[in-house]
């Protein structure tokens, strides 16, 4: 009788162990999903005070384009990474191929940068890829300077530049460029055709 009881105890212990393992996996899964949903919600919904804050770094109305929620984190990474050294440049001024080279190259216009990797690189790349346009490589070389980018020229169709265009002189016409606001122009350009 003791042998049967011991066997029944072992069987009951195996069933209980399987159930508790399964229950633990379910609890961790539900907890993980809750955290993920909370993070997505917090990224997609700014508080009312943030939506009305004119100093908010990403002002959707003043930015070049409104950004879809799934690319918002990529934009934030782009701004936090690139605008520490220079004003953030809208993705539209360069072709997709230029951005791909820029974010992968350690040599960045004369400076050596630590390369991006992992999720940060992927999120930033998805943002830049989505909001820039490709060029057919058979037709032209990949431009690395504004004055060689046909997209930059298309965004400034009737502008005659008196000096070479660099990232440092964008603010002469776009006073809010350091806040990624390229919609507001200086008075002499506000009513230009």
C-alpha atoms as a PDB file:
ATOM      1  CA  UNK A   1       0.000   0.000   0.000  1.00  0.00           C
ATOM      2  CA  UNK A   2       2.879   2.363   0.759  1.00  0.00           C
ATOM      3  CA  UNK A   3       4.314   1.781  -2.724  1.00  0.00           C
ATOM      4  CA  UNK A   4       1.034   2.782  -4.419  1.00  0.00           C
ATOM      5  CA  UNK A   5       0.752   5.859  -2.267  1.00  0.00           C
ATOM      6  CA  UNK A   6       4.273   6.882  -3.178  1.00  0.00           C
ATOM      7  CA  UNK A   7       3.577   6.366  -6.897  1.00  0.00           C
ATOM      8  CA  UNK A   8       0.343   8.335  -6.631  1.00  0.00           C
ATOM      9  CA  UNK A   9       2.217  11.118  -4.803  1.00  0.00           C
ATOM     10  CA  UNK A  10       4.845  11.251  -7.564  1.00  0.00           C
ATOM     11  CA  UNK A  11       2.168  11.372 -10.259  1.00  0.00           C
ATOM     12  CA  UNK A  12       0.273  14.070  -8.400  1.00  0.00           C
ATOM     13  CA  UNK A  13       3.532  16.024  -7.916  1.00  0.00           C
ATOM     14  CA  UNK A  14       4.297  15.804 -11.681  1.00  0.00           C
ATOM     15  CA  UNK A  15       0.796  17.083 -12.506  1.00  0.00           C
ATOM     16  CA  UNK A  16       1.045  19.879  -9.950  1.00  0.00           C
ATOM     17  CA  UNK A  17       4.575  20.796 -11.178  1.00  0.00           C
ATOM     18  CA  UNK A  18       3.386  20.965 -14.785  1.00  0.00           C
ATOM     19  CA  UNK A  19       0.395  23.080 -13.783  1.00  0.00           C
ATOM     20  CA  UNK A  20       2.464  25.501 -11.706  1.00  0.00           C
ATOM     21  CA  UNK A  21       5.026  25.847 -14.527  1.00  0.00           C
ATOM     22  CA  UNK A  22       2.258  26.531 -17.028  1.00  0.00           C
ATOM     23  CA  UNK A  23       0.624  29.004 -14.644  1.00  0.00           C
ATOM     24  CA  UNK A  24       3.954  30.809 -14.160  1.00  0.00           C
ATOM     25  CA  UNK A  25       4.443  31.105 -17.920  1.00  0.00           C
ATOM     26  CA  UNK A  26       0.925  32.502 -18.321  1.00  0.00           C
ATOM     27  CA  UNK A  27       1.436  35.071 -15.543  1.00  0.00           C
ATOM     28  CA  UNK A  28       4.764  36.231 -17.010  1.00  0.00           C
ATOM     29  CA  UNK A  29       3.202  36.383 -20.497  1.00  0.00           C
ATOM     30  CA  UNK A  30       0.248  38.477 -19.344  1.00  0.00           C
ATOM     31  CA  UNK A  31       2.557  40.727 -17.348  1.00  0.00           C
ATOM     32  CA  UNK A  32       4.850  41.219 -20.391  1.00  0.00           C
ATOM     33  CA  UNK A  33       1.921  42.040 -22.669  1.00  0.00           C
ATOM     34  CA  UNK A  34       0.620  44.560 -20.114  1.00  0.00           C
ATOM     35  CA  UNK A  35       3.983  46.303 -19.956  1.00  0.00           C
ATOM     36  CA  UNK A  36       4.293  46.360 -23.753  1.00  0.00           C
ATOM     37  CA  UNK A  37       0.797  47.809 -24.152  1.00  0.00           C
ATOM     38  CA  UNK A  38       1.564  50.421 -21.520  1.00  0.00           C
ATOM     39  CA  UNK A  39       4.754  51.433 -23.331  1.00  0.00           C
ATOM     40  CA  UNK A  40       2.962  51.679 -26.674  1.00  0.00           C
ATOM     41  CA  UNK A  41       0.208  53.738 -25.090  1.00  0.00           C
ATOM     42  CA  UNK A  42       2.677  56.097 -23.455  1.00  0.00           C
ATOM     43  CA  UNK A  43       4.584  56.563 -26.726  1.00  0.00           C
ATOM     44  CA  UNK A  44       1.455  57.218 -28.772  1.00  0.00           C
ATOM     45  CA  UNK A  45      -0.450  59.461 -26.407  1.00  0.00           C
ATOM     46  CA  UNK A  46       1.181  62.576 -25.051  1.00  0.00           C
ATOM     47  CA  UNK A  47      -0.348  64.151 -22.005  1.00  0.00           C
ATOM     48  CA  UNK A  48      -2.510  67.242 -22.610  1.00  0.00           C
ATOM     49  CA  UNK A  49       0.205  69.480 -21.182  1.00  0.00           C
ATOM     50  CA  UNK A  50       2.738  68.022 -23.634  1.00  0.00           C
ATOM     51  CA  UNK A  51       0.405  68.483 -26.608  1.00  0.00           C
ATOM     52  CA  UNK A  52       0.080  72.193 -25.803  1.00  0.00           C
ATOM     53  CA  UNK A  53       3.737  72.724 -24.922  1.00  0.00           C
ATOM     54  CA  UNK A  54       5.301  74.939 -27.616  1.00  0.00           C
ATOM     55  CA  UNK A  55       8.785  73.897 -26.479  1.00  0.00           C
ATOM     56  CA  UNK A  56       8.180  70.215 -27.161  1.00  0.00           C
ATOM     57  CA  UNK A  57      11.012  68.976 -29.357  1.00  0.00           C
ATOM     58  CA  UNK A  58       8.703  67.194 -31.789  1.00  0.00           C
ATOM     59  CA  UNK A  59       6.022  69.650 -32.779  1.00  0.00           C
ATOM     60  CA  UNK A  60       3.972  67.778 -35.369  1.00  0.00           C
ATOM     61  CA  UNK A  61       2.512  70.934 -36.919  1.00  0.00           C
ATOM     62  CA  UNK A  62       5.865  72.678 -37.272  1.00  0.00           C
ATOM     63  CA  UNK A  63       7.809  69.633 -38.399  1.00  0.00           C
ATOM     64  CA  UNK A  64       8.257  68.872 -42.059  1.00  0.00           C
ATOM     65  CA  UNK A  65       5.684  66.058 -42.073  1.00  0.00           C
ATOM     66  CA  UNK A  66       3.382  64.614 -39.487  1.00  0.00           C
ATOM     67  CA  UNK A  67       4.877  61.379 -38.224  1.00  0.00           C
ATOM     68  CA  UNK A  68       2.900  58.149 -37.994  1.00  0.00           C
ATOM     69  CA  UNK A  69       2.916  56.701 -34.438  1.00  0.00           C
ATOM     70  CA  UNK A  70       4.922  53.615 -35.428  1.00  0.00           C
ATOM     71  CA  UNK A  71       7.830  55.858 -36.538  1.00  0.00           C
ATOM     72  CA  UNK A  72       7.725  58.260 -33.592  1.00  0.00           C
ATOM     73  CA  UNK A  73      10.389  56.408 -31.585  1.00  0.00           C
ATOM     74  CA  UNK A  74      12.673  56.311 -34.642  1.00  0.00           C
ATOM     75  CA  UNK A  75      12.259  60.083 -35.002  1.00  0.00           C
ATOM     76  CA  UNK A  76      13.056  60.613 -31.327  1.00  0.00           C
ATOM     77  CA  UNK A  77      16.184  58.457 -31.621  1.00  0.00           C
ATOM     78  CA  UNK A  78      17.205  60.360 -34.741  1.00  0.00           C
ATOM     79  CA  UNK A  79      16.757  63.720 -33.018  1.00  0.00           C
ATOM     80  CA  UNK A  80      18.503  62.618 -29.827  1.00  0.00           C
ATOM     81  CA  UNK A  81      21.413  61.111 -31.737  1.00  0.00           C
ATOM     82  CA  UNK A  82      21.994  63.640 -34.499  1.00  0.00           C
ATOM     83  CA  UNK A  83      20.925  66.951 -33.020  1.00  0.00           C
ATOM     84  CA  UNK A  84      23.529  66.755 -30.257  1.00  0.00           C
ATOM     85  CA  UNK A  85      26.150  67.898 -32.806  1.00  0.00           C
ATOM     86  CA  UNK A  86      24.121  69.772 -35.438  1.00  0.00           C
ATOM     87  CA  UNK A  87      20.567  70.762 -36.289  1.00  0.00           C
ATOM     88  CA  UNK A  88      18.395  67.819 -37.289  1.00  0.00           C
ATOM     89  CA  UNK A  89      18.031  67.537 -41.046  1.00  0.00           C
ATOM     90  CA  UNK A  90      14.662  66.447 -42.471  1.00  0.00           C
ATOM     91  CA  UNK A  91      14.848  63.024 -44.144  1.00  0.00           C
ATOM     92  CA  UNK A  92      13.335  64.522 -47.300  1.00  0.00           C
ATOM     93  CA  UNK A  93      16.474  66.489 -48.259  1.00  0.00           C
ATOM     94  CA  UNK A  94      18.528  63.379 -49.049  1.00  0.00           C
ATOM     95  CA  UNK A  95      17.708  60.158 -50.847  1.00  0.00           C
ATOM     96  CA  UNK A  96      17.208  56.968 -48.867  1.00  0.00           C
ATOM     97  CA  UNK A  97      20.591  55.660 -50.052  1.00  0.00           C
ATOM     98  CA  UNK A  98      22.370  58.677 -48.542  1.00  0.00           C
ATOM     99  CA  UNK A  99      20.712  58.135 -45.160  1.00  0.00           C
ATOM    100  CA  UNK A 100      21.603  54.452 -45.248  1.00  0.00           C
ATOM    101  CA  UNK A 101      25.269  55.328 -45.719  1.00  0.00           C
ATOM    102  CA  UNK A 102      25.222  58.143 -43.172  1.00  0.00           C
ATOM    103  CA  UNK A 103      23.825  56.088 -40.286  1.00  0.00           C
ATOM    104  CA  UNK A 104      26.149  53.144 -40.943  1.00  0.00           C
ATOM    105  CA  UNK A 105      29.396  55.040 -41.561  1.00  0.00           C
ATOM    106  CA  UNK A 106      31.699  55.758 -38.626  1.00  0.00           C
ATOM    107  CA  UNK A 107      33.291  58.582 -40.640  1.00  0.00           C
ATOM    108  CA  UNK A 108      30.686  61.336 -40.572  1.00  0.00           C
ATOM    109  CA  UNK A 109      31.686  64.488 -42.463  1.00  0.00           C
ATOM    110  CA  UNK A 110      35.121  64.578 -40.878  1.00  0.00           C
ATOM    111  CA  UNK A 111      34.141  63.292 -37.435  1.00  0.00           C
ATOM    112  CA  UNK A 112      34.488  59.735 -36.178  1.00  0.00           C
ATOM    113  CA  UNK A 113      31.296  58.467 -34.575  1.00  0.00           C
ATOM    114  CA  UNK A 114      30.438  55.382 -32.609  1.00  0.00           C
ATOM    115  CA  UNK A 115      28.300  53.303 -34.972  1.00  0.00           C
ATOM    116  CA  UNK A 116      24.685  52.614 -34.109  1.00  0.00           C
ATOM    117  CA  UNK A 117      23.565  49.048 -33.731  1.00  0.00           C
ATOM    118  CA  UNK A 118      20.661  46.869 -32.680  1.00  0.00           C
ATOM    119  CA  UNK A 119      17.162  48.204 -32.139  1.00  0.00           C
ATOM    120  CA  UNK A 120      18.241  51.857 -32.149  1.00  0.00           C
ATOM    121  CA  UNK A 121      19.710  51.514 -35.623  1.00  0.00           C
ATOM    122  CA  UNK A 122      16.657  49.646 -36.912  1.00  0.00           C
ATOM    123  CA  UNK A 123      14.145  52.126 -35.477  1.00  0.00           C
ATOM    124  CA  UNK A 124      16.053  55.133 -36.816  1.00  0.00           C
ATOM    125  CA  UNK A 125      16.505  53.454 -40.198  1.00  0.00           C
ATOM    126  CA  UNK A 126      12.775  52.670 -40.529  1.00  0.00           C
ATOM    127  CA  UNK A 127      11.971  56.334 -39.825  1.00  0.00           C
ATOM    128  CA  UNK A 128      14.552  57.676 -42.297  1.00  0.00           C
ATOM    129  CA  UNK A 129      13.658  55.103 -44.947  1.00  0.00           C
ATOM    130  CA  UNK A 130       9.934  55.869 -44.678  1.00  0.00           C
ATOM    131  CA  UNK A 131      10.273  59.652 -44.861  1.00  0.00           C
ATOM    132  CA  UNK A 132      12.914  59.860 -47.598  1.00  0.00           C
ATOM    133  CA  UNK A 133      12.775  58.793 -51.264  1.00  0.00           C
ATOM    134  CA  UNK A 134      15.071  56.480 -53.199  1.00  0.00           C
ATOM    135  CA  UNK A 135      16.914  57.460 -56.326  1.00  0.00           C
ATOM    136  CA  UNK A 136      17.564  55.071 -59.188  1.00  0.00           C
ATOM    137  CA  UNK A 137      21.287  54.411 -58.840  1.00  0.00           C
ATOM    138  CA  UNK A 138      21.772  54.007 -62.587  1.00  0.00           C
ATOM    139  CA  UNK A 139      20.823  57.637 -63.114  1.00  0.00           C
ATOM    140  CA  UNK A 140      22.953  59.444 -60.546  1.00  0.00           C
ATOM    141  CA  UNK A 141      25.508  59.124 -57.784  1.00  0.00           C
ATOM    142  CA  UNK A 142      24.513  59.131 -54.127  1.00  0.00           C
ATOM    143  CA  UNK A 143      24.761  62.752 -52.914  1.00  0.00           C
ATOM    144  CA  UNK A 144      26.391  63.522 -49.566  1.00  0.00           C
ATOM    145  CA  UNK A 145      26.109  67.311 -49.738  1.00  0.00           C
ATOM    146  CA  UNK A 146      22.974  69.458 -49.961  1.00  0.00           C
ATOM    147  CA  UNK A 147      24.063  71.183 -53.147  1.00  0.00           C
ATOM    148  CA  UNK A 148      24.285  67.772 -54.863  1.00  0.00           C
ATOM    149  CA  UNK A 149      20.917  66.459 -53.704  1.00  0.00           C
ATOM    150  CA  UNK A 150      18.126  66.901 -56.230  1.00  0.00           C
ATOM    151  CA  UNK A 151      15.627  66.482 -53.379  1.00  0.00           C
ATOM    152  CA  UNK A 152      17.116  69.428 -51.508  1.00  0.00           C
ATOM    153  CA  UNK A 153      16.949  71.459 -54.718  1.00  0.00           C
ATOM    154  CA  UNK A 154      13.320  70.403 -55.275  1.00  0.00           C
ATOM    155  CA  UNK A 155      12.423  71.627 -51.783  1.00  0.00           C
ATOM    156  CA  UNK A 156      14.044  75.009 -52.567  1.00  0.00           C
ATOM    157  CA  UNK A 157      12.935  75.551 -56.197  1.00  0.00           C
ATOM    158  CA  UNK A 158      13.361  79.312 -56.553  1.00  0.00           C
ATOM    159  CA  UNK A 159      15.981  79.926 -53.883  1.00  0.00           C
ATOM    160  CA  UNK A 160      19.283  81.421 -54.976  1.00  0.00           C
ATOM    161  CA  UNK A 161      21.860  80.740 -52.276  1.00  0.00           C
ATOM    162  CA  UNK A 162      24.421  83.469 -51.759  1.00  0.00           C
ATOM    163  CA  UNK A 163      26.788  81.130 -49.922  1.00  0.00           C
ATOM    164  CA  UNK A 164      27.442  77.388 -49.949  1.00  0.00           C
ATOM    165  CA  UNK A 165      24.632  75.495 -48.239  1.00  0.00           C
ATOM    166  CA  UNK A 166      25.698  73.733 -45.055  1.00  0.00           C
ATOM    167  CA  UNK A 167      23.906  72.326 -42.051  1.00  0.00           C
ATOM    168  CA  UNK A 168      25.044  75.387 -40.103  1.00  0.00           C
ATOM    169  CA  UNK A 169      23.318  77.994 -42.267  1.00  0.00           C
ATOM    170  CA  UNK A 170      19.809  76.457 -42.484  1.00  0.00           C
ATOM    171  CA  UNK A 171      18.743  78.678 -39.590  1.00  0.00           C
ATOM    172  CA  UNK A 172      19.308  81.797 -41.684  1.00  0.00           C
ATOM    173  CA  UNK A 173      15.980  81.039 -43.457  1.00  0.00           C
ATOM    174  CA  UNK A 174      14.463  78.476 -41.058  1.00  0.00           C
ATOM    175  CA  UNK A 175      14.826  80.051 -37.588  1.00  0.00           C
ATOM    176  CA  UNK A 176      13.219  77.039 -35.870  1.00  0.00           C
ATOM    177  CA  UNK A 177      15.441  74.448 -37.568  1.00  0.00           C
ATOM    178  CA  UNK A 178      17.199  73.578 -34.309  1.00  0.00           C
ATOM    179  CA  UNK A 179      13.787  72.440 -32.987  1.00  0.00           C
ATOM    180  CA  UNK A 180      13.105  70.502 -36.236  1.00  0.00           C
ATOM    181  CA  UNK A 181      10.728  73.234 -37.367  1.00  0.00           C
ATOM    182  CA  UNK A 182      11.270  73.907 -41.047  1.00  0.00           C
ATOM    183  CA  UNK A 183       7.785  75.301 -41.673  1.00  0.00           C
ATOM    184  CA  UNK A 184       8.414  78.707 -40.089  1.00  0.00           C
ATOM    185  CA  UNK A 185      10.518  80.970 -42.268  1.00  0.00           C
ATOM    186  CA  UNK A 186      12.228  84.302 -41.772  1.00  0.00           C
ATOM    187  CA  UNK A 187      10.088  87.323 -42.806  1.00  0.00           C
ATOM    188  CA  UNK A 188      11.774  87.771 -46.194  1.00  0.00           C
ATOM    189  CA  UNK A 189      10.832  84.187 -47.178  1.00  0.00           C
ATOM    190  CA  UNK A 190       7.358  83.881 -45.623  1.00  0.00           C
ATOM    191  CA  UNK A 191       5.432  85.159 -48.654  1.00  0.00           C
ATOM    192  CA  UNK A 192       7.807  84.066 -51.360  1.00  0.00           C
ATOM    193  CA  UNK A 193       6.378  82.084 -54.284  1.00  0.00           C
END
